[in-house]
Amino acid sequence: MPKLHTNHAAKKRFKITKSGKVLAKGGGKQHINEHMSSRKKRHIRTPKFQVPEQLVEHIKNQLPYIKYAR
């Protein structure tokens, strides 16, 4: 059986909590942000929203080695 590989694009963009929820980060911090306050940039850094239920299983399949409550 072939090895399972983590999808690195998904690894960068999603966080799975211990209870199994999938959180996604918002955009808007890569460039053109010198006008933003430090507070605004700090809040952008945190995960923003919960991913819709239809996509959760797909994302979890892309991250096979992440441990969470199943």
PDB file of N, CA and C in Angstrom:
ATOM      1  N   MET A   1       0.845  -1.182   0.000  1.00  0.00           N
ATOM      2  CA  MET A   1       0.000   0.000   0.000  1.00  0.00           C
ATOM      3  C   MET A   1       0.888   1.242   0.000  1.00  0.00           C
ATOM      4  N   PRO A   2       0.578   2.241  -0.834  1.00  0.00           N
ATOM      5  CA  PRO A   2       1.443   3.416  -0.912  1.00  0.00           C
ATOM      6  C   PRO A   2       1.339   4.288   0.342  1.00  0.00           C
ATOM      7  N   LYS A   3       2.357   5.105   0.527  1.00  0.00           N
ATOM      8  CA  LYS A   3       2.367   6.016   1.668  1.00  0.00           C
ATOM      9  C   LYS A   3       1.281   7.074   1.514  1.00  0.00           C
ATOM     10  N   LEU A   4       0.760   7.529   2.650  1.00  0.00           N
ATOM     11  CA  LEU A   4      -0.159   8.666   2.646  1.00  0.00           C
ATOM     12  C   LEU A   4       0.676   9.937   2.686  1.00  0.00           C
ATOM     13  N   HIS A   5       0.290  10.926   1.928  1.00  0.00           N
ATOM     14  CA  HIS A   5       1.023  12.187   1.918  1.00  0.00           C
ATOM     15  C   HIS A   5       0.119  13.316   2.380  1.00  0.00           C
ATOM     16  N   THR A   6       0.661  14.192   3.209  1.00  0.00           N
ATOM     17  CA  THR A   6      -0.054  15.383   3.642  1.00  0.00           C
ATOM     18  C   THR A   6      -0.067  16.384   2.508  1.00  0.00           C
ATOM     19  N   ASN A   7      -1.212  16.992   2.277  1.00  0.00           N
ATOM     20  CA  ASN A   7      -1.316  18.053   1.282  1.00  0.00           C
ATOM     21  C   ASN A   7      -0.810  19.338   1.939  1.00  0.00           C
ATOM     22  N   HIS A   8       0.306  19.873   1.453  1.00  0.00           N
ATOM     23  CA  HIS A   8       0.947  21.004   2.113  1.00  0.00           C
ATOM     24  C   HIS A   8       0.155  22.295   1.966  1.00  0.00           C
ATOM     25  N   ALA A   9      -0.622  22.425   0.908  1.00  0.00           N
ATOM     26  CA  ALA A   9      -1.484  23.601   0.767  1.00  0.00           C
ATOM     27  C   ALA A   9      -2.544  23.599   1.869  1.00  0.00           C
ATOM     28  N   ALA A  10      -3.102  22.430   2.163  1.00  0.00           N
ATOM     29  CA  ALA A  10      -4.105  22.316   3.225  1.00  0.00           C
ATOM     30  C   ALA A  10      -3.458  22.512   4.597  1.00  0.00           C
ATOM     31  N   LYS A  11      -2.242  22.011   4.757  1.00  0.00           N
ATOM     32  CA  LYS A  11      -1.539  22.140   6.037  1.00  0.00           C
ATOM     33  C   LYS A  11      -1.326  23.606   6.402  1.00  0.00           C
ATOM     34  N   LYS A  12      -1.049  24.433   5.383  1.00  0.00           N
ATOM     35  CA  LYS A  12      -0.821  25.858   5.618  1.00  0.00           C
ATOM     36  C   LYS A  12      -2.110  26.607   5.957  1.00  0.00           C
ATOM     37  N   ARG A  13      -3.239  26.148   5.408  1.00  0.00           N
ATOM     38  CA  ARG A  13      -4.461  26.945   5.456  1.00  0.00           C
ATOM     39  C   ARG A  13      -5.470  26.542   6.524  1.00  0.00           C
ATOM     40  N   PHE A  14      -5.367  25.303   7.038  1.00  0.00           N
ATOM     41  CA  PHE A  14      -6.389  24.824   7.957  1.00  0.00           C
ATOM     42  C   PHE A  14      -5.783  24.337   9.256  1.00  0.00           C
ATOM     43  N   LYS A  15      -6.596  24.418  10.321  1.00  0.00           N
ATOM     44  CA  LYS A  15      -6.200  23.900  11.622  1.00  0.00           C
ATOM     45  C   LYS A  15      -7.330  23.002  12.100  1.00  0.00           C
ATOM     46  N   ILE A  16      -7.000  21.813  12.588  1.00  0.00           N
ATOM     47  CA  ILE A  16      -8.012  20.911  13.128  1.00  0.00           C
ATOM     48  C   ILE A  16      -7.876  20.914  14.644  1.00  0.00           C
ATOM     49  N   THR A  17      -8.978  21.210  15.330  1.00  0.00           N
ATOM     50  CA  THR A  17      -8.964  21.254  16.785  1.00  0.00           C
ATOM     51  C   THR A  17      -9.023  19.831  17.338  1.00  0.00           C
ATOM     52  N   LYS A  18      -8.793  19.683  18.631  1.00  0.00           N
ATOM     53  CA  LYS A  18      -8.824  18.358  19.264  1.00  0.00           C
ATOM     54  C   LYS A  18     -10.207  17.719  19.161  1.00  0.00           C
ATOM     55  N   SER A  19     -11.255  18.549  19.127  1.00  0.00           N
ATOM     56  CA  SER A  19     -12.611  17.994  19.026  1.00  0.00           C
ATOM     57  C   SER A  19     -12.984  17.643  17.594  1.00  0.00           C
ATOM     58  N   GLY A  20     -12.140  18.001  16.611  1.00  0.00           N
ATOM     59  CA  GLY A  20     -12.384  17.619  15.230  1.00  0.00           C
ATOM     60  C   GLY A  20     -12.928  18.720  14.341  1.00  0.00           C
ATOM     61  N   LYS A  21     -13.119  19.932  14.886  1.00  0.00           N
ATOM     62  CA  LYS A  21     -13.581  21.043  14.052  1.00  0.00           C
ATOM     63  C   LYS A  21     -12.440  21.504  13.155  1.00  0.00           C
ATOM     64  N   VAL A  22     -12.772  21.982  11.973  1.00  0.00           N
ATOM     65  CA  VAL A  22     -11.756  22.490  11.050  1.00  0.00           C
ATOM     66  C   VAL A  22     -11.895  24.002  10.985  1.00  0.00           C
ATOM     67  N   LEU A  23     -10.812  24.711  11.314  1.00  0.00           N
ATOM     68  CA  LEU A  23     -10.801  26.166  11.268  1.00  0.00           C
ATOM     69  C   LEU A  23      -9.943  26.622  10.101  1.00  0.00           C
ATOM     70  N   ALA A  24     -10.371  27.706   9.463  1.00  0.00           N
ATOM     71  CA  ALA A  24      -9.631  28.255   8.333  1.00  0.00           C
ATOM     72  C   ALA A  24      -9.202  29.672   8.661  1.00  0.00           C
ATOM     73  N   LYS A  25      -8.068  30.059   8.117  1.00  0.00           N
ATOM     74  CA  LYS A  25      -7.591  31.423   8.290  1.00  0.00           C
ATOM     75  C   LYS A  25      -8.132  32.279   7.160  1.00  0.00           C
ATOM     76  N   GLY A  26      -8.345  33.539   7.457  1.00  0.00           N
ATOM     77  CA  GLY A  26      -8.763  34.470   6.416  1.00  0.00           C
ATOM     78  C   GLY A  26      -7.557  34.989   5.667  1.00  0.00           C
ATOM     79  N   GLY A  27      -7.776  35.726   4.624  1.00  0.00           N
ATOM     80  CA  GLY A  27      -6.681  36.294   3.854  1.00  0.00           C
ATOM     81  C   GLY A  27      -6.403  37.723   4.280  1.00  0.00           C
ATOM     82  N   GLY A  28      -5.527  38.372   3.546  1.00  0.00           N
ATOM     83  CA  GLY A  28      -5.329  39.800   3.744  1.00  0.00           C
ATOM     84  C   GLY A  28      -4.114  40.199   4.543  1.00  0.00           C
ATOM     85  N   LYS A  29      -3.109  39.337   4.685  1.00  0.00           N
ATOM     86  CA  LYS A  29      -1.938  39.741   5.463  1.00  0.00           C
ATOM     87  C   LYS A  29      -0.630  39.575   4.691  1.00  0.00           C
ATOM     88  N   GLN A  30      -0.661  39.182   3.437  1.00  0.00           N
ATOM     89  CA  GLN A  30       0.573  38.919   2.707  1.00  0.00           C
ATOM     90  C   GLN A  30       1.312  40.183   2.284  1.00  0.00           C
ATOM     91  N   HIS A  31       0.591  41.165   1.800  1.00  0.00           N
ATOM     92  CA  HIS A  31       1.257  42.391   1.349  1.00  0.00           C
ATOM     93  C   HIS A  31       0.262  43.546   1.417  1.00  0.00           C
ATOM     94  N   ILE A  32       0.751  44.748   1.176  1.00  0.00           N
ATOM     95  CA  ILE A  32      -0.021  45.990   1.271  1.00  0.00           C
ATOM     96  C   ILE A  32      -0.679  46.086   2.648  1.00  0.00           C
ATOM     97  N   ASN A  33       0.110  45.942   3.698  1.00  0.00           N
ATOM     98  CA  ASN A  33      -0.461  46.024   5.037  1.00  0.00           C
ATOM     99  C   ASN A  33       0.317  46.972   5.946  1.00  0.00           C
ATOM    100  N   GLU A  34       1.127  47.851   5.373  1.00  0.00           N
ATOM    101  CA  GLU A  34       1.871  48.767   6.237  1.00  0.00           C
ATOM    102  C   GLU A  34       0.962  49.810   6.865  1.00  0.00           C
ATOM    103  N   HIS A  35      -0.208  50.049   6.261  1.00  0.00           N
ATOM    104  CA  HIS A  35      -1.141  51.009   6.840  1.00  0.00           C
ATOM    105  C   HIS A  35      -1.933  50.414   8.000  1.00  0.00           C
ATOM    106  N   MET A  36      -1.884  49.089   8.177  1.00  0.00           N
ATOM    107  CA  MET A  36      -2.650  48.436   9.237  1.00  0.00           C
ATOM    108  C   MET A  36      -1.974  48.620  10.584  1.00  0.00           C
ATOM    109  N   SER A  37      -2.803  48.700  11.613  1.00  0.00           N
ATOM    110  CA  SER A  37      -2.257  48.778  12.961  1.00  0.00           C
ATOM    111  C   SER A  37      -1.732  47.396  13.370  1.00  0.00           C
ATOM    112  N   SER A  38      -0.890  47.370  14.382  1.00  0.00           N
ATOM    113  CA  SER A  38      -0.363  46.095  14.876  1.00  0.00           C
ATOM    114  C   SER A  38      -1.497  45.214  15.367  1.00  0.00           C
ATOM    115  N   ARG A  39      -2.489  45.832  15.980  1.00  0.00           N
ATOM    116  CA  ARG A  39      -3.637  45.075  16.493  1.00  0.00           C
ATOM    117  C   ARG A  39      -4.380  44.379  15.355  1.00  0.00           C
ATOM    118  N   LYS A  40      -4.602  45.093  14.269  1.00  0.00           N
ATOM    119  CA  LYS A  40      -5.307  44.529  13.114  1.00  0.00           C
ATOM    120  C   LYS A  40      -4.526  43.344  12.533  1.00  0.00           C
ATOM    121  N   LYS A  41      -3.207  43.500  12.380  1.00  0.00           N
ATOM    122  CA  LYS A  41      -2.382  42.425  11.825  1.00  0.00           C
ATOM    123  C   LYS A  41      -2.356  41.206  12.750  1.00  0.00           C
ATOM    124  N   ARG A  42      -2.376  41.448  14.047  1.00  0.00           N
ATOM    125  CA  ARG A  42      -2.371  40.358  15.017  1.00  0.00           C
ATOM    126  C   ARG A  42      -3.686  39.569  14.946  1.00  0.00           C
ATOM    127  N   HIS A  43      -4.799  40.264  14.767  1.00  0.00           N
ATOM    128  CA  HIS A  43      -6.093  39.587  14.692  1.00  0.00           C
ATOM    129  C   HIS A  43      -6.253  38.812  13.390  1.00  0.00           C
ATOM    130  N   ILE A  44      -5.629  39.280  12.319  1.00  0.00           N
ATOM    131  CA  ILE A  44      -5.685  38.563  11.048  1.00  0.00           C
ATOM    132  C   ILE A  44      -4.961  37.224  11.158  1.00  0.00           C
ATOM    133  N   ARG A  45      -3.954  37.149  12.018  1.00  0.00           N
ATOM    134  CA  ARG A  45      -3.121  35.959  12.156  1.00  0.00           C
ATOM    135  C   ARG A  45      -3.893  34.744  12.693  1.00  0.00           C
ATOM    136  N   THR A  46      -4.934  34.970  13.490  1.00  0.00           N
ATOM    137  CA  THR A  46      -5.637  33.864  14.137  1.00  0.00           C
ATOM    138  C   THR A  46      -6.641  33.203  13.189  1.00  0.00           C
ATOM    139  N   PRO A  47      -6.965  31.921  13.409  1.00  0.00           N
ATOM    140  CA  PRO A  47      -7.978  31.270  12.572  1.00  0.00           C
ATOM    141  C   PRO A  47      -9.311  32.000  12.683  1.00  0.00           C
ATOM    142  N   LYS A  48      -9.980  32.156  11.562  1.00  0.00           N
ATOM    143  CA  LYS A  48     -11.142  33.020  11.503  1.00  0.00           C
ATOM    144  C   LYS A  48     -12.473  32.297  11.680  1.00  0.00           C
ATOM    145  N   PHE A  49     -12.690  31.277  10.903  1.00  0.00           N
ATOM    146  CA  PHE A  49     -14.039  30.732  10.837  1.00  0.00           C
ATOM    147  C   PHE A  49     -14.000  29.219  10.700  1.00  0.00           C
ATOM    148  N   GLN A  50     -15.126  28.622  11.024  1.00  0.00           N
ATOM    149  CA  GLN A  50     -15.252  27.171  10.912  1.00  0.00           C
ATOM    150  C   GLN A  50     -15.628  26.816   9.478  1.00  0.00           C
ATOM    151  N   VAL A  51     -15.011  25.784   8.962  1.00  0.00           N
ATOM    152  CA  VAL A  51     -15.233  25.340   7.585  1.00  0.00           C
ATOM    153  C   VAL A  51     -16.611  24.672   7.490  1.00  0.00           C
ATOM    154  N   PRO A  52     -17.342  24.865   6.387  1.00  0.00           N
ATOM    155  CA  PRO A  52     -18.652  24.217   6.220  1.00  0.00           C
ATOM    156  C   PRO A  52     -18.554  22.689   6.285  1.00  0.00           C
ATOM    157  N   GLU A  53     -19.605  22.072   6.796  1.00  0.00           N
ATOM    158  CA  GLU A  53     -19.630  20.618   6.999  1.00  0.00           C
ATOM    159  C   GLU A  53     -19.347  19.823   5.725  1.00  0.00           C
ATOM    160  N   GLN A  54     -19.757  20.346   4.562  1.00  0.00           N
ATOM    161  CA  GLN A  54     -19.571  19.606   3.316  1.00  0.00           C
ATOM    162  C   GLN A  54     -18.093  19.413   2.989  1.00  0.00           C
ATOM    163  N   LEU A  55     -17.227  20.303   3.463  1.00  0.00           N
ATOM    164  CA  LEU A  55     -15.809  20.256   3.116  1.00  0.00           C
ATOM    165  C   LEU A  55     -14.940  19.592   4.180  1.00  0.00           C
ATOM    166  N   VAL A  56     -15.477  19.372   5.366  1.00  0.00           N
ATOM    167  CA  VAL A  56     -14.672  18.889   6.490  1.00  0.00           C
ATOM    168  C   VAL A  56     -14.018  17.545   6.182  1.00  0.00           C
ATOM    169  N   GLU A  57     -14.774  16.589   5.673  1.00  0.00           N
ATOM    170  CA  GLU A  57     -14.221  15.260   5.414  1.00  0.00           C
ATOM    171  C   GLU A  57     -13.127  15.316   4.352  1.00  0.00           C
ATOM    172  N   HIS A  58     -13.322  16.149   3.353  1.00  0.00           N
ATOM    173  CA  HIS A  58     -12.335  16.314   2.285  1.00  0.00           C
ATOM    174  C   HIS A  58     -11.018  16.868   2.841  1.00  0.00           C
ATOM    175  N   ILE A  59     -11.109  17.859   3.714  1.00  0.00           N
ATOM    176  CA  ILE A  59      -9.908  18.468   4.297  1.00  0.00           C
ATOM    177  C   ILE A  59      -9.209  17.486   5.231  1.00  0.00           C
ATOM    178  N   LYS A  60      -9.974  16.743   6.017  1.00  0.00           N
ATOM    179  CA  LYS A  60      -9.370  15.763   6.926  1.00  0.00           C
ATOM    180  C   LYS A  60      -8.645  14.662   6.157  1.00  0.00           C
ATOM    181  N   ASN A  61      -9.138  14.310   4.972  1.00  0.00           N
ATOM    182  CA  ASN A  61      -8.451  13.318   4.144  1.00  0.00           C
ATOM    183  C   ASN A  61      -7.132  13.855   3.604  1.00  0.00           C
ATOM    184  N   GLN A  62      -7.030  15.159   3.436  1.00  0.00           N
ATOM    185  CA  GLN A  62      -5.787  15.757   2.952  1.00  0.00           C
ATOM    186  C   GLN A  62      -4.739  15.864   4.052  1.00  0.00           C
ATOM    187  N   LEU A  63      -5.165  15.750   5.309  1.00  0.00           N
ATOM    188  CA  LEU A  63      -4.253  15.848   6.452  1.00  0.00           C
ATOM    189  C   LEU A  63      -4.301  14.535   7.243  1.00  0.00           C
ATOM    190  N   PRO A  64      -3.725  13.455   6.715  1.00  0.00           N
ATOM    191  CA  PRO A  64      -3.914  12.136   7.325  1.00  0.00           C
ATOM    192  C   PRO A  64      -3.234  11.948   8.674  1.00  0.00           C
ATOM    193  N   TYR A  65      -2.214  12.718   8.999  1.00  0.00           N
ATOM    194  CA  TYR A  65      -1.467  12.475  10.230  1.00  0.00           C
ATOM    195  C   TYR A  65      -1.815  13.439  11.350  1.00  0.00           C
ATOM    196  N   ILE A  66      -2.809  14.291  11.154  1.00  0.00           N
ATOM    197  CA  ILE A  66      -3.249  15.201  12.205  1.00  0.00           C
ATOM    198  C   ILE A  66      -4.111  14.408  13.182  1.00  0.00           C
ATOM    199  N   LYS A  67      -3.818  14.538  14.479  1.00  0.00           N
ATOM    200  CA  LYS A  67      -4.569  13.797  15.488  1.00  0.00           C
ATOM    201  C   LYS A  67      -5.748  14.638  15.970  1.00  0.00           C
ATOM    202  N   TYR A  68      -6.929  14.026  16.017  1.00  0.00           N
ATOM    203  CA  TYR A  68      -8.126  14.689  16.518  1.00  0.00           C
ATOM    204  C   TYR A  68      -9.110  13.613  16.953  1.00  0.00           C
ATOM    205  N   ALA A  69     -10.133  14.031  17.697  1.00  0.00           N
ATOM    206  CA  ALA A  69     -11.157  13.089  18.151  1.00  0.00           C
ATOM    207  C   ALA A  69     -11.981  12.636  16.958  1.00  0.00           C
ATOM    208  N   ARG A  70     -12.043  11.330  16.729  1.00  0.00           N
ATOM    209  CA  ARG A  70     -12.788  10.813  15.566  1.00  0.00           C
ATOM    210  C   ARG A  70     -14.160  10.347  15.975  1.00  0.00           C
TER     211      ARG A  70
END
